[in-house]
Amino acid sequence: MGLWIFLIILIYSFLKTTGEYETATRLSLIIIPLYSAIMMILGIGQNFTPLTMLVTLLLILVGIEIGLFQTRNVKLKISNEKDKLGFLR
């Protein structure tokens, strides 16, 4: 039951900002996907079976589909505001 609540909260946090403007950060664009890929490779290396590969392939396809869905109506907003380091947003 606790796992389901955790998954619902996780999905909600990802979908909450889907329609809002936000600044892309290095954490969200590079570090999190890289960490996830490394953990996936390490996890598959320990339990290498055809079923594991099938589940991994299905999860990759679902992830691609979610990414395409979230970026379907993306619009870029260019502003002249500066962030805390002085760079344009």
PDB file of N, CA and C in Angstrom:
ATOM      1  N   MET A   1       0.823  -1.196   0.000  1.00  0.00           N
ATOM      2  CA  MET A   1       0.000   0.000   0.000  1.00  0.00           C
ATOM      3  C   MET A   1       0.867   1.260   0.000  1.00  0.00           C
ATOM      4  N   GLY A   2       1.938   1.231   0.765  1.00  0.00           N
ATOM      5  CA  GLY A   2       2.837   2.380   0.832  1.00  0.00           C
ATOM      6  C   GLY A   2       3.511   2.651  -0.507  1.00  0.00           C
ATOM      7  N   LEU A   3       3.817   1.575  -1.272  1.00  0.00           N
ATOM      8  CA  LEU A   3       4.440   1.738  -2.578  1.00  0.00           C
ATOM      9  C   LEU A   3       3.490   2.451  -3.534  1.00  0.00           C
ATOM     10  N   TRP A   4       2.213   2.107  -3.484  1.00  0.00           N
ATOM     11  CA  TRP A   4       1.224   2.755  -4.352  1.00  0.00           C
ATOM     12  C   TRP A   4       1.097   4.244  -4.027  1.00  0.00           C
ATOM     13  N   ILE A   5       1.087   4.572  -2.755  1.00  0.00           N
ATOM     14  CA  ILE A   5       1.002   5.978  -2.358  1.00  0.00           C
ATOM     15  C   ILE A   5       2.239   6.730  -2.845  1.00  0.00           C
ATOM     16  N   PHE A   6       3.418   6.119  -2.707  1.00  0.00           N
ATOM     17  CA  PHE A   6       4.657   6.725  -3.178  1.00  0.00           C
ATOM     18  C   PHE A   6       4.606   6.943  -4.688  1.00  0.00           C
ATOM     19  N   LEU A   7       4.134   5.959  -5.436  1.00  0.00           N
ATOM     20  CA  LEU A   7       4.050   6.090  -6.892  1.00  0.00           C
ATOM     21  C   LEU A   7       3.066   7.177  -7.309  1.00  0.00           C
ATOM     22  N   ILE A   8       1.941   7.269  -6.622  1.00  0.00           N
ATOM     23  CA  ILE A   8       0.959   8.304  -6.941  1.00  0.00           C
ATOM     24  C   ILE A   8       1.541   9.684  -6.681  1.00  0.00           C
ATOM     25  N   ILE A   9       2.235   9.857  -5.565  1.00  0.00           N
ATOM     26  CA  ILE A   9       2.865  11.146  -5.255  1.00  0.00           C
ATOM     27  C   ILE A   9       3.944  11.471  -6.282  1.00  0.00           C
ATOM     28  N   LEU A  10       4.726  10.482  -6.686  1.00  0.00           N
ATOM     29  CA  LEU A  10       5.782  10.683  -7.669  1.00  0.00           C
ATOM     30  C   LEU A  10       5.200  11.095  -9.014  1.00  0.00           C
ATOM     31  N   ILE A  11       4.166  10.413  -9.466  1.00  0.00           N
ATOM     32  CA  ILE A  11       3.527  10.756 -10.738  1.00  0.00           C
ATOM     33  C   ILE A  11       2.913  12.147 -10.664  1.00  0.00           C
ATOM     34  N   TYR A  12       2.263  12.462  -9.559  1.00  0.00           N
ATOM     35  CA  TYR A  12       1.663  13.789  -9.395  1.00  0.00           C
ATOM     36  C   TYR A  12       2.719  14.891  -9.466  1.00  0.00           C
ATOM     37  N   SER A  13       3.866  14.665  -8.826  1.00  0.00           N
ATOM     38  CA  SER A  13       4.909  15.694  -8.831  1.00  0.00           C
ATOM     39  C   SER A  13       5.464  15.918 -10.236  1.00  0.00           C
ATOM     40  N   PHE A  14       5.527  14.863 -11.054  1.00  0.00           N
ATOM     41  CA  PHE A  14       5.995  15.022 -12.428  1.00  0.00           C
ATOM     42  C   PHE A  14       4.964  15.726 -13.296  1.00  0.00           C
ATOM     43  N   LEU A  15       3.704  15.399 -13.114  1.00  0.00           N
ATOM     44  CA  LEU A  15       2.665  15.950 -13.967  1.00  0.00           C
ATOM     45  C   LEU A  15       2.200  17.339 -13.544  1.00  0.00           C
ATOM     46  N   LYS A  16       2.485  17.723 -12.306  1.00  0.00           N
ATOM     47  CA  LYS A  16       2.022  19.001 -11.764  1.00  0.00           C
ATOM     48  C   LYS A  16       2.543  20.184 -12.570  1.00  0.00           C
ATOM     49  N   THR A  17       3.798  20.140 -12.962  1.00  0.00           N
ATOM     50  CA  THR A  17       4.411  21.277 -13.658  1.00  0.00           C
ATOM     51  C   THR A  17       4.437  21.092 -15.165  1.00  0.00           C
ATOM     52  N   THR A  18       3.711  20.136 -15.688  1.00  0.00           N
ATOM     53  CA  THR A  18       3.746  19.878 -17.119  1.00  0.00           C
ATOM     54  C   THR A  18       3.268  21.069 -17.922  1.00  0.00           C
ATOM     55  N   GLY A  19       2.232  21.755 -17.493  1.00  0.00           N
ATOM     56  CA  GLY A  19       1.680  22.863 -18.244  1.00  0.00           C
ATOM     57  C   GLY A  19       2.186  24.217 -17.826  1.00  0.00           C
ATOM     58  N   GLU A  20       3.173  24.296 -16.961  1.00  0.00           N
ATOM     59  CA  GLU A  20       3.673  25.566 -16.458  1.00  0.00           C
ATOM     60  C   GLU A  20       5.029  25.902 -17.071  1.00  0.00           C
ATOM     61  N   TYR A  21       5.323  27.202 -17.124  1.00  0.00           N
ATOM     62  CA  TYR A  21       6.651  27.620 -17.549  1.00  0.00           C
ATOM     63  C   TYR A  21       7.627  27.364 -16.415  1.00  0.00           C
ATOM     64  N   GLU A  22       8.771  26.799 -16.750  1.00  0.00           N
ATOM     65  CA  GLU A  22       9.809  26.623 -15.742  1.00  0.00           C
ATOM     66  C   GLU A  22      11.167  26.622 -16.433  1.00  0.00           C
ATOM     67  N   THR A  23      12.165  27.029 -15.715  1.00  0.00           N
ATOM     68  CA  THR A  23      13.517  27.063 -16.241  1.00  0.00           C
ATOM     69  C   THR A  23      14.113  25.671 -16.217  1.00  0.00           C
ATOM     70  N   ALA A  24      14.701  25.260 -17.328  1.00  0.00           N
ATOM     71  CA  ALA A  24      15.371  23.966 -17.382  1.00  0.00           C
ATOM     72  C   ALA A  24      16.661  24.045 -16.583  1.00  0.00           C
ATOM     73  N   THR A  25      16.893  23.061 -15.744  1.00  0.00           N
ATOM     74  CA  THR A  25      18.097  23.047 -14.921  1.00  0.00           C
ATOM     75  C   THR A  25      19.004  21.901 -15.333  1.00  0.00           C
ATOM     76  N   ARG A  26      20.254  22.013 -14.972  1.00  0.00           N
ATOM     77  CA  ARG A  26      21.205  20.952 -15.268  1.00  0.00           C
ATOM     78  C   ARG A  26      20.790  19.654 -14.572  1.00  0.00           C
ATOM     79  N   LEU A  27      20.214  19.774 -13.379  1.00  0.00           N
ATOM     80  CA  LEU A  27      19.770  18.599 -12.636  1.00  0.00           C
ATOM     81  C   LEU A  27      18.690  17.846 -13.402  1.00  0.00           C
ATOM     82  N   SER A  28      17.708  18.571 -13.904  1.00  0.00           N
ATOM     83  CA  SER A  28      16.592  17.902 -14.565  1.00  0.00           C
ATOM     84  C   SER A  28      16.940  17.412 -15.961  1.00  0.00           C
ATOM     85  N   LEU A  29      17.910  18.022 -16.627  1.00  0.00           N
ATOM     86  CA  LEU A  29      18.227  17.645 -17.999  1.00  0.00           C
ATOM     87  C   LEU A  29      19.360  16.627 -18.124  1.00  0.00           C
ATOM     88  N   ILE A  30      20.284  16.603 -17.182  1.00  0.00           N
ATOM     89  CA  ILE A  30      21.462  15.748 -17.331  1.00  0.00           C
ATOM     90  C   ILE A  30      21.623  14.766 -16.181  1.00  0.00           C
ATOM     91  N   ILE A  31      21.656  15.254 -14.970  1.00  0.00           N
ATOM     92  CA  ILE A  31      22.045  14.420 -13.835  1.00  0.00           C
ATOM     93  C   ILE A  31      21.017  13.331 -13.541  1.00  0.00           C
ATOM     94  N   ILE A  32      19.728  13.659 -13.493  1.00  0.00           N
ATOM     95  CA  ILE A  32      18.718  12.655 -13.167  1.00  0.00           C
ATOM     96  C   ILE A  32      18.636  11.560 -14.234  1.00  0.00           C
ATOM     97  N   PRO A  33      18.570  11.891 -15.540  1.00  0.00           N
ATOM     98  CA  PRO A  33      18.556  10.808 -16.535  1.00  0.00           C
ATOM     99  C   PRO A  33      19.833   9.966 -16.539  1.00  0.00           C
ATOM    100  N   LEU A  34      20.979  10.602 -16.335  1.00  0.00           N
ATOM    101  CA  LEU A  34      22.240   9.865 -16.301  1.00  0.00           C
ATOM    102  C   LEU A  34      22.282   8.905 -15.114  1.00  0.00           C
ATOM    103  N   TYR A  35      21.877   9.381 -13.957  1.00  0.00           N
ATOM    104  CA  TYR A  35      21.831   8.529 -12.764  1.00  0.00           C
ATOM    105  C   TYR A  35      20.860   7.357 -12.976  1.00  0.00           C
ATOM    106  N   SER A  36      19.714   7.636 -13.571  1.00  0.00           N
ATOM    107  CA  SER A  36      18.729   6.587 -13.820  1.00  0.00           C
ATOM    108  C   SER A  36      19.280   5.530 -14.772  1.00  0.00           C
ATOM    109  N   ALA A  37      19.977   5.964 -15.814  1.00  0.00           N
ATOM    110  CA  ALA A  37      20.554   5.010 -16.773  1.00  0.00           C
ATOM    111  C   ALA A  37      21.627   4.143 -16.117  1.00  0.00           C
ATOM    112  N   ILE A  38      22.464   4.756 -15.289  1.00  0.00           N
ATOM    113  CA  ILE A  38      23.509   3.987 -14.601  1.00  0.00           C
ATOM    114  C   ILE A  38      22.888   2.963 -13.655  1.00  0.00           C
ATOM    115  N   MET A  39      21.878   3.369 -12.896  1.00  0.00           N
ATOM    116  CA  MET A  39      21.217   2.442 -11.972  1.00  0.00           C
ATOM    117  C   MET A  39      20.507   1.309 -12.723  1.00  0.00           C
ATOM    118  N   MET A  40      19.934   1.613 -13.887  1.00  0.00           N
ATOM    119  CA  MET A  40      19.287   0.578 -14.693  1.00  0.00           C
ATOM    120  C   MET A  40      20.315  -0.443 -15.180  1.00  0.00           C
ATOM    121  N   ILE A  41      21.444   0.038 -15.666  1.00  0.00           N
ATOM    122  CA  ILE A  41      22.485  -0.862 -16.160  1.00  0.00           C
ATOM    123  C   ILE A  41      23.018  -1.731 -15.028  1.00  0.00           C
ATOM    124  N   LEU A  42      23.258  -1.147 -13.862  1.00  0.00           N
ATOM    125  CA  LEU A  42      23.743  -1.926 -12.721  1.00  0.00           C
ATOM    126  C   LEU A  42      22.697  -2.948 -12.270  1.00  0.00           C
ATOM    127  N   GLY A  43      21.431  -2.566 -12.282  1.00  0.00           N
ATOM    128  CA  GLY A  43      20.366  -3.488 -11.889  1.00  0.00           C
ATOM    129  C   GLY A  43      20.208  -4.641 -12.856  1.00  0.00           C
ATOM    130  N   ILE A  44      20.317  -4.360 -14.141  1.00  0.00           N
ATOM    131  CA  ILE A  44      20.208  -5.431 -15.139  1.00  0.00           C
ATOM    132  C   ILE A  44      21.415  -6.361 -15.043  1.00  0.00           C
ATOM    133  N   GLY A  45      22.577  -5.815 -14.783  1.00  0.00           N
ATOM    134  CA  GLY A  45      23.784  -6.638 -14.677  1.00  0.00           C
ATOM    135  C   GLY A  45      23.696  -7.685 -13.580  1.00  0.00           C
ATOM    136  N   GLN A  46      22.977  -7.391 -12.513  1.00  0.00           N
ATOM    137  CA  GLN A  46      22.854  -8.337 -11.409  1.00  0.00           C
ATOM    138  C   GLN A  46      21.791  -9.395 -11.672  1.00  0.00           C
ATOM    139  N   ASN A  47      20.747  -9.069 -12.416  1.00  0.00           N
ATOM    140  CA  ASN A  47      19.629  -9.987 -12.672  1.00  0.00           C
ATOM    141  C   ASN A  47      19.375 -10.117 -14.168  1.00  0.00           C
ATOM    142  N   PHE A  48      20.365 -10.541 -14.918  1.00  0.00           N
ATOM    143  CA  PHE A  48      20.230 -10.600 -16.369  1.00  0.00           C
ATOM    144  C   PHE A  48      19.443 -11.835 -16.786  1.00  0.00           C
ATOM    145  N   THR A  49      18.187 -11.617 -17.178  1.00  0.00           N
ATOM    146  CA  THR A  49      17.338 -12.688 -17.707  1.00  0.00           C
ATOM    147  C   THR A  49      16.562 -12.106 -18.892  1.00  0.00           C
ATOM    148  N   PRO A  50      16.015 -12.973 -19.736  1.00  0.00           N
ATOM    149  CA  PRO A  50      15.195 -12.455 -20.848  1.00  0.00           C
ATOM    150  C   PRO A  50      13.990 -11.655 -20.361  1.00  0.00           C
ATOM    151  N   LEU A  51      13.397 -12.050 -19.235  1.00  0.00           N
ATOM    152  CA  LEU A  51      12.259 -11.312 -18.696  1.00  0.00           C
ATOM    153  C   LEU A  51      12.681  -9.908 -18.263  1.00  0.00           C
ATOM    154  N   THR A  52      13.846  -9.800 -17.655  1.00  0.00           N
ATOM    155  CA  THR A  52      14.357  -8.494 -17.242  1.00  0.00           C
ATOM    156  C   THR A  52      14.570  -7.593 -18.450  1.00  0.00           C
ATOM    157  N   MET A  53      15.111  -8.156 -19.516  1.00  0.00           N
ATOM    158  CA  MET A  53      15.332  -7.366 -20.724  1.00  0.00           C
ATOM    159  C   MET A  53      14.009  -6.934 -21.351  1.00  0.00           C
ATOM    160  N   LEU A  54      13.002  -7.816 -21.322  1.00  0.00           N
ATOM    161  CA  LEU A  54      11.692  -7.474 -21.865  1.00  0.00           C
ATOM    162  C   LEU A  54      11.041  -6.344 -21.063  1.00  0.00           C
ATOM    163  N   VAL A  55      11.092  -6.453 -19.744  1.00  0.00           N
ATOM    164  CA  VAL A  55      10.523  -5.402 -18.891  1.00  0.00           C
ATOM    165  C   VAL A  55      11.271  -4.084 -19.103  1.00  0.00           C
ATOM    166  N   THR A  56      12.588  -4.141 -19.225  1.00  0.00           N
ATOM    167  CA  THR A  56      13.386  -2.939 -19.466  1.00  0.00           C
ATOM    168  C   THR A  56      13.006  -2.288 -20.788  1.00  0.00           C
ATOM    169  N   LEU A  57      12.862  -3.090 -21.822  1.00  0.00           N
ATOM    170  CA  LEU A  57      12.471  -2.571 -23.124  1.00  0.00           C
ATOM    171  C   LEU A  57      11.086  -1.924 -23.060  1.00  0.00           C
ATOM    172  N   LEU A  58      10.155  -2.565 -22.379  1.00  0.00           N
ATOM    173  CA  LEU A  58       8.812  -2.003 -22.242  1.00  0.00           C
ATOM    174  C   LEU A  58       8.840  -0.685 -21.465  1.00  0.00           C
ATOM    175  N   LEU A  59       9.632  -0.624 -20.406  1.00  0.00           N
ATOM    176  CA  LEU A  59       9.734   0.619 -19.629  1.00  0.00           C
ATOM    177  C   LEU A  59      10.377   1.745 -20.433  1.00  0.00           C
ATOM    178  N   ILE A  60      11.344   1.416 -21.264  1.00  0.00           N
ATOM    179  CA  ILE A  60      11.960   2.426 -22.125  1.00  0.00           C
ATOM    180  C   ILE A  60      10.934   2.962 -23.112  1.00  0.00           C
ATOM    181  N   LEU A  61      10.138   2.071 -23.704  1.00  0.00           N
ATOM    182  CA  LEU A  61       9.097   2.492 -24.640  1.00  0.00           C
ATOM    183  C   LEU A  61       8.036   3.359 -23.957  1.00  0.00           C
ATOM    184  N   VAL A  62       7.641   2.987 -22.746  1.00  0.00           N
ATOM    185  CA  VAL A  62       6.673   3.793 -21.990  1.00  0.00           C
ATOM    186  C   VAL A  62       7.271   5.161 -21.672  1.00  0.00           C
ATOM    187  N   GLY A  63       8.536   5.206 -21.300  1.00  0.00           N
ATOM    188  CA  GLY A  63       9.206   6.475 -21.012  1.00  0.00           C
ATOM    189  C   GLY A  63       9.278   7.377 -22.232  1.00  0.00           C
ATOM    190  N   ILE A  64       9.571   6.800 -23.394  1.00  0.00           N
ATOM    191  CA  ILE A  64       9.596   7.585 -24.627  1.00  0.00           C
ATOM    192  C   ILE A  64       8.209   8.134 -24.935  1.00  0.00           C
ATOM    193  N   GLU A  65       7.193   7.303 -24.760  1.00  0.00           N
ATOM    194  CA  GLU A  65       5.815   7.736 -25.017  1.00  0.00           C
ATOM    195  C   GLU A  65       5.405   8.878 -24.065  1.00  0.00           C
ATOM    196  N   ILE A  66       5.763   8.768 -22.807  1.00  0.00           N
ATOM    197  CA  ILE A  66       5.451   9.837 -21.845  1.00  0.00           C
ATOM    198  C   ILE A  66       6.191  11.122 -22.221  1.00  0.00           C
ATOM    199  N   GLY A  67       7.446  11.003 -22.616  1.00  0.00           N
ATOM    200  CA  GLY A  67       8.217  12.174 -23.027  1.00  0.00           C
ATOM    201  C   GLY A  67       7.608  12.858 -24.241  1.00  0.00           C
ATOM    202  N   LEU A  68       7.177  12.076 -25.216  1.00  0.00           N
ATOM    203  CA  LEU A  68       6.530  12.655 -26.391  1.00  0.00           C
ATOM    204  C   LEU A  68       5.205  13.314 -26.023  1.00  0.00           C
ATOM    205  N   PHE A  69       4.465  12.703 -25.127  1.00  0.00           N
ATOM    206  CA  PHE A  69       3.193  13.281 -24.686  1.00  0.00           C
ATOM    207  C   PHE A  69       3.413  14.610 -23.970  1.00  0.00           C
ATOM    208  N   GLN A  70       4.411  14.666 -23.103  1.00  0.00           N
ATOM    209  CA  GLN A  70       4.657  15.885 -22.338  1.00  0.00           C
ATOM    210  C   GLN A  70       5.193  17.016 -23.202  1.00  0.00           C
ATOM    211  N   THR A  71       5.892  16.703 -24.283  1.00  0.00           N
ATOM    212  CA  THR A  71       6.471  17.750 -25.116  1.00  0.00           C
ATOM    213  C   THR A  71       5.616  18.070 -26.333  1.00  0.00           C
ATOM    214  N   ARG A  72       4.460  17.501 -26.436  1.00  0.00           N
ATOM    215  CA  ARG A  72       3.607  17.707 -27.598  1.00  0.00           C
ATOM    216  C   ARG A  72       3.207  19.171 -27.762  1.00  0.00           C
ATOM    217  N   ASN A  73       2.898  19.851 -26.704  1.00  0.00           N
ATOM    218  CA  ASN A  73       2.439  21.238 -26.783  1.00  0.00           C
ATOM    219  C   ASN A  73       3.411  22.217 -26.117  1.00  0.00           C
ATOM    220  N   VAL A  74       4.687  21.907 -26.145  1.00  0.00           N
ATOM    221  CA  VAL A  74       5.687  22.767 -25.507  1.00  0.00           C
ATOM    222  C   VAL A  74       5.874  24.036 -26.326  1.00  0.00           C
ATOM    223  N   LYS A  75       5.928  25.156 -25.623  1.00  0.00           N
ATOM    224  CA  LYS A  75       6.203  26.448 -26.252  1.00  0.00           C
ATOM    225  C   LYS A  75       7.363  27.094 -25.515  1.00  0.00           C
ATOM    226  N   LEU A  76       8.274  27.670 -26.255  1.00  0.00           N
ATOM    227  CA  LEU A  76       9.401  28.365 -25.649  1.00  0.00           C
ATOM    228  C   LEU A  76       9.012  29.792 -25.330  1.00  0.00           C
ATOM    229  N   LYS A  77       9.409  30.236 -24.164  1.00  0.00           N
ATOM    230  CA  LYS A  77       9.148  31.617 -23.752  1.00  0.00           C
ATOM    231  C   LYS A  77      10.503  32.260 -23.469  1.00  0.00           C
ATOM    232  N   ILE A  78      10.843  33.228 -24.277  1.00  0.00           N
ATOM    233  CA  ILE A  78      12.119  33.923 -24.113  1.00  0.00           C
ATOM    234  C   ILE A  78      11.852  35.232 -23.378  1.00  0.00           C
ATOM    235  N   SER A  79      12.560  35.424 -22.283  1.00  0.00           N
ATOM    236  CA  SER A  79      12.376  36.648 -21.504  1.00  0.00           C
ATOM    237  C   SER A  79      13.725  37.324 -21.300  1.00  0.00           C
ATOM    238  N   ASN A  80      13.681  38.547 -20.867  1.00  0.00           N
ATOM    239  CA  ASN A  80      14.913  39.291 -20.589  1.00  0.00           C
ATOM    240  C   ASN A  80      15.254  39.283 -19.102  1.00  0.00           C
ATOM    241  N   GLU A  81      14.616  38.403 -18.345  1.00  0.00           N
ATOM    242  CA  GLU A  81      14.897  38.303 -16.916  1.00  0.00           C
ATOM    243  C   GLU A  81      16.228  37.596 -16.702  1.00  0.00           C
ATOM    244  N   LYS A  82      16.898  37.978 -15.645  1.00  0.00           N
ATOM    245  CA  LYS A  82      18.161  37.330 -15.303  1.00  0.00           C
ATOM    246  C   LYS A  82      17.969  36.468 -14.071  1.00  0.00           C
ATOM    247  N   ASP A  83      18.686  35.333 -14.034  1.00  0.00           N
ATOM    248  CA  ASP A  83      18.610  34.471 -12.860  1.00  0.00           C
ATOM    249  C   ASP A  83      19.586  34.971 -11.807  1.00  0.00           C
ATOM    250  N   LYS A  84      19.727  34.202 -10.729  1.00  0.00           N
ATOM    251  CA  LYS A  84      20.566  34.673  -9.614  1.00  0.00           C
ATOM    252  C   LYS A  84      22.052  34.748  -9.949  1.00  0.00           C
ATOM    253  N   LEU A  85      22.483  34.082 -11.037  1.00  0.00           N
ATOM    254  CA  LEU A  85      23.894  34.154 -11.456  1.00  0.00           C
ATOM    255  C   LEU A  85      24.146  35.221 -12.499  1.00  0.00           C
ATOM    256  N   GLY A  86      23.061  35.899 -12.934  1.00  0.00           N
ATOM    257  CA  GLY A  86      23.218  36.977 -13.903  1.00  0.00           C
ATOM    258  C   GLY A  86      23.036  36.559 -15.344  1.00  0.00           C
ATOM    259  N   PHE A  87      22.671  35.302 -15.585  1.00  0.00           N
ATOM    260  CA  PHE A  87      22.452  34.824 -16.947  1.00  0.00           C
ATOM    261  C   PHE A  87      20.998  35.067 -17.345  1.00  0.00           C
ATOM    262  N   LEU A  88      20.772  35.293 -18.633  1.00  0.00           N
ATOM    263  CA  LEU A  88      19.402  35.455 -19.103  1.00  0.00           C
ATOM    264  C   LEU A  88      18.673  34.130 -18.982  1.00  0.00           C
ATOM    265  N   ARG A  89      17.400  34.201 -18.602  1.00  0.00           N
ATOM    266  CA  ARG A  89      16.581  32.993 -18.479  1.00  0.00           C
ATOM    267  C   ARG A  89      16.056  32.577 -19.814  1.00  0.00           C
TER     268      ARG A  89
END
